[in-house]
Amino acid sequence: MLFHIRMDVNLPSTMPQAQSNQLKADEKAMFQSLQASGAWRHIWRIAGHYANISVFDVADVEELHATLMALPLFAYMKIEIMPLCRHPSSAHDDDR
């Protein structure tokens, strides 16, 4: 299943820089692993925000939920999820 997800990150201003840097490094490592597996299909920054728009390709909503909750920055995110389905007019055969 494909999911369009907006993630807005809000780290506390009181968080020590070393902790913030470690969380970001851990998040990047997990992102790269999920991207390599095909689960995190696309990611785009939202200009002017500490936020992104991503497309996840996972088996079901339960897998999506578990994946998002495992993200190191999850506790500091506001997440909006929209399930997607293939549009019949799409010219791309790999849309699901």
C-alpha atoms as a PDB file:
ATOM      1  CA  MET A   1       0.000   0.000   0.000  1.00  0.00           C
ATOM      2  CA  LEU A   2       1.139   3.505  -0.739  1.00  0.00           C
ATOM      3  CA  PHE A   3       0.840   6.297   1.815  1.00  0.00           C
ATOM      4  CA  HIS A   4       1.454  10.030   1.386  1.00  0.00           C
ATOM      5  CA  ILE A   5       2.842  11.303   4.677  1.00  0.00           C
ATOM      6  CA  ARG A   6       3.668  14.768   5.917  1.00  0.00           C
ATOM      7  CA  MET A   7       6.069  14.832   8.854  1.00  0.00           C
ATOM      8  CA  ASP A   8       6.692  18.070  10.744  1.00  0.00           C
ATOM      9  CA  VAL A   9       9.529  17.858  13.257  1.00  0.00           C
ATOM     10  CA  ASN A  10       9.584  20.032  16.364  1.00  0.00           C
ATOM     11  CA  LEU A  11      12.628  19.415  18.546  1.00  0.00           C
ATOM     12  CA  PRO A  12      12.524  21.214  21.905  1.00  0.00           C
ATOM     13  CA  SER A  13      14.712  24.304  21.989  1.00  0.00           C
ATOM     14  CA  THR A  14      16.044  23.062  25.340  1.00  0.00           C
ATOM     15  CA  MET A  15      17.325  19.791  23.864  1.00  0.00           C
ATOM     16  CA  PRO A  16      21.121  19.569  24.081  1.00  0.00           C
ATOM     17  CA  GLN A  17      22.802  19.872  20.661  1.00  0.00           C
ATOM     18  CA  ALA A  18      24.575  16.520  21.079  1.00  0.00           C
ATOM     19  CA  GLN A  19      21.240  14.750  21.678  1.00  0.00           C
ATOM     20  CA  SER A  20      19.656  16.522  18.715  1.00  0.00           C
ATOM     21  CA  ASN A  21      22.574  15.577  16.464  1.00  0.00           C
ATOM     22  CA  GLN A  22      22.414  11.935  17.582  1.00  0.00           C
ATOM     23  CA  LEU A  23      18.654  11.718  16.961  1.00  0.00           C
ATOM     24  CA  LYS A  24      19.122  13.185  13.484  1.00  0.00           C
ATOM     25  CA  ALA A  25      21.949  10.756  12.684  1.00  0.00           C
ATOM     26  CA  ASP A  26      19.875   7.802  13.925  1.00  0.00           C
ATOM     27  CA  GLU A  27      16.891   9.010  11.873  1.00  0.00           C
ATOM     28  CA  LYS A  28      19.030   9.319   8.741  1.00  0.00           C
ATOM     29  CA  ALA A  29      20.430   5.806   9.193  1.00  0.00           C
ATOM     30  CA  MET A  30      16.938   4.344   9.608  1.00  0.00           C
ATOM     31  CA  PHE A  31      15.648   6.359   6.646  1.00  0.00           C
ATOM     32  CA  GLN A  32      18.446   5.064   4.424  1.00  0.00           C
ATOM     33  CA  SER A  33      17.722   1.483   5.464  1.00  0.00           C
ATOM     34  CA  LEU A  34      13.995   1.902   4.781  1.00  0.00           C
ATOM     35  CA  GLN A  35      14.749   3.579   1.463  1.00  0.00           C
ATOM     36  CA  ALA A  36      17.060   0.718   0.438  1.00  0.00           C
ATOM     37  CA  SER A  37      14.327  -1.804   1.298  1.00  0.00           C
ATOM     38  CA  GLY A  38      11.768   0.117  -0.797  1.00  0.00           C
ATOM     39  CA  ALA A  39       9.495   0.909   2.166  1.00  0.00           C
ATOM     40  CA  TRP A  40      10.327   4.649   2.124  1.00  0.00           C
ATOM     41  CA  ARG A  41       9.897   5.266  -1.574  1.00  0.00           C
ATOM     42  CA  HIS A  42      10.239   9.053  -1.837  1.00  0.00           C
ATOM     43  CA  ILE A  43      11.065  12.039   0.363  1.00  0.00           C
ATOM     44  CA  TRP A  44      10.918  15.780  -0.340  1.00  0.00           C
ATOM     45  CA  ARG A  45      11.671  18.728   1.914  1.00  0.00           C
ATOM     46  CA  ILE A  46       9.031  21.371   2.425  1.00  0.00           C
ATOM     47  CA  ALA A  47      10.756  24.692   1.786  1.00  0.00           C
ATOM     48  CA  GLY A  48      10.952  26.895   4.846  1.00  0.00           C
ATOM     49  CA  HIS A  49       9.915  24.168   7.318  1.00  0.00           C
ATOM     50  CA  TYR A  50      11.587  21.384   9.269  1.00  0.00           C
ATOM     51  CA  ALA A  51       9.224  19.004   7.509  1.00  0.00           C
ATOM     52  CA  ASN A  52       8.961  16.573   4.636  1.00  0.00           C
ATOM     53  CA  ILE A  53       6.492  14.903   2.335  1.00  0.00           C
ATOM     54  CA  SER A  54       7.190  11.210   1.910  1.00  0.00           C
ATOM     55  CA  VAL A  55       5.694   8.236   0.131  1.00  0.00           C
ATOM     56  CA  PHE A  56       5.805   4.912   1.938  1.00  0.00           C
ATOM     57  CA  ASP A  57       5.198   1.567   0.226  1.00  0.00           C
ATOM     58  CA  VAL A  58       4.343  -0.997   2.904  1.00  0.00           C
ATOM     59  CA  ALA A  59       2.130  -4.071   3.181  1.00  0.00           C
ATOM     60  CA  ASP A  60      -0.593  -2.492   5.297  1.00  0.00           C
ATOM     61  CA  VAL A  61      -1.469   0.203   7.817  1.00  0.00           C
ATOM     62  CA  GLU A  62      -0.137  -1.888  10.691  1.00  0.00           C
ATOM     63  CA  GLU A  63       3.320  -2.024   9.082  1.00  0.00           C
ATOM     64  CA  LEU A  64       3.181   1.718   8.451  1.00  0.00           C
ATOM     65  CA  HIS A  65       2.237   2.370  12.075  1.00  0.00           C
ATOM     66  CA  ALA A  66       5.074   0.196  13.404  1.00  0.00           C
ATOM     67  CA  THR A  67       7.571   1.802  11.021  1.00  0.00           C
ATOM     68  CA  LEU A  68       6.613   5.354  11.946  1.00  0.00           C
ATOM     69  CA  MET A  69       6.637   4.632  15.682  1.00  0.00           C
ATOM     70  CA  ALA A  70      10.151   3.185  15.361  1.00  0.00           C
ATOM     71  CA  LEU A  71      11.555   6.402  13.855  1.00  0.00           C
ATOM     72  CA  PRO A  72      14.007   8.041  16.269  1.00  0.00           C
ATOM     73  CA  LEU A  73      12.314  11.439  15.797  1.00  0.00           C
ATOM     74  CA  PHE A  74       8.758  10.033  16.133  1.00  0.00           C
ATOM     75  CA  ALA A  75       8.179  11.597  19.569  1.00  0.00           C
ATOM     76  CA  TYR A  76       8.910  15.027  18.075  1.00  0.00           C
ATOM     77  CA  MET A  77       6.774  14.723  14.937  1.00  0.00           C
ATOM     78  CA  LYS A  78       3.323  15.794  13.899  1.00  0.00           C
ATOM     79  CA  ILE A  79       2.332  13.277  11.217  1.00  0.00           C
ATOM     80  CA  GLU A  80      -0.469  13.457   8.654  1.00  0.00           C
ATOM     81  CA  ILE A  81      -1.212  10.300   6.658  1.00  0.00           C
ATOM     82  CA  MET A  82      -3.174   9.889   3.430  1.00  0.00           C
ATOM     83  CA  PRO A  83      -3.601   6.400   1.933  1.00  0.00           C
ATOM     84  CA  LEU A  84      -3.130   6.339  -1.834  1.00  0.00           C
ATOM     85  CA  CYS A  85      -4.425   4.080  -4.578  1.00  0.00           C
ATOM     86  CA  ARG A  86      -3.532   3.866  -8.233  1.00  0.00           C
ATOM     87  CA  HIS A  87      -5.297   6.315 -10.519  1.00  0.00           C
ATOM     88  CA  PRO A  88      -6.708   4.581 -13.602  1.00  0.00           C
ATOM     89  CA  SER A  89      -5.240   7.261 -15.880  1.00  0.00           C
ATOM     90  CA  SER A  90      -1.675   6.805 -14.607  1.00  0.00           C
ATOM     91  CA  ALA A  91       0.858   6.002 -17.303  1.00  0.00           C
ATOM     92  CA  HIS A  92       3.175   4.320 -14.773  1.00  0.00           C
ATOM     93  CA  ASP A  93       2.828   0.569 -14.452  1.00  0.00           C
ATOM     94  CA  ASP A  94       4.564   0.473 -11.069  1.00  0.00           C
ATOM     95  CA  ASP A  95       1.867   2.539  -9.310  1.00  0.00           C
ATOM     96  CA  ARG A  96      -0.056   0.420  -6.841  1.00  0.00           C
END
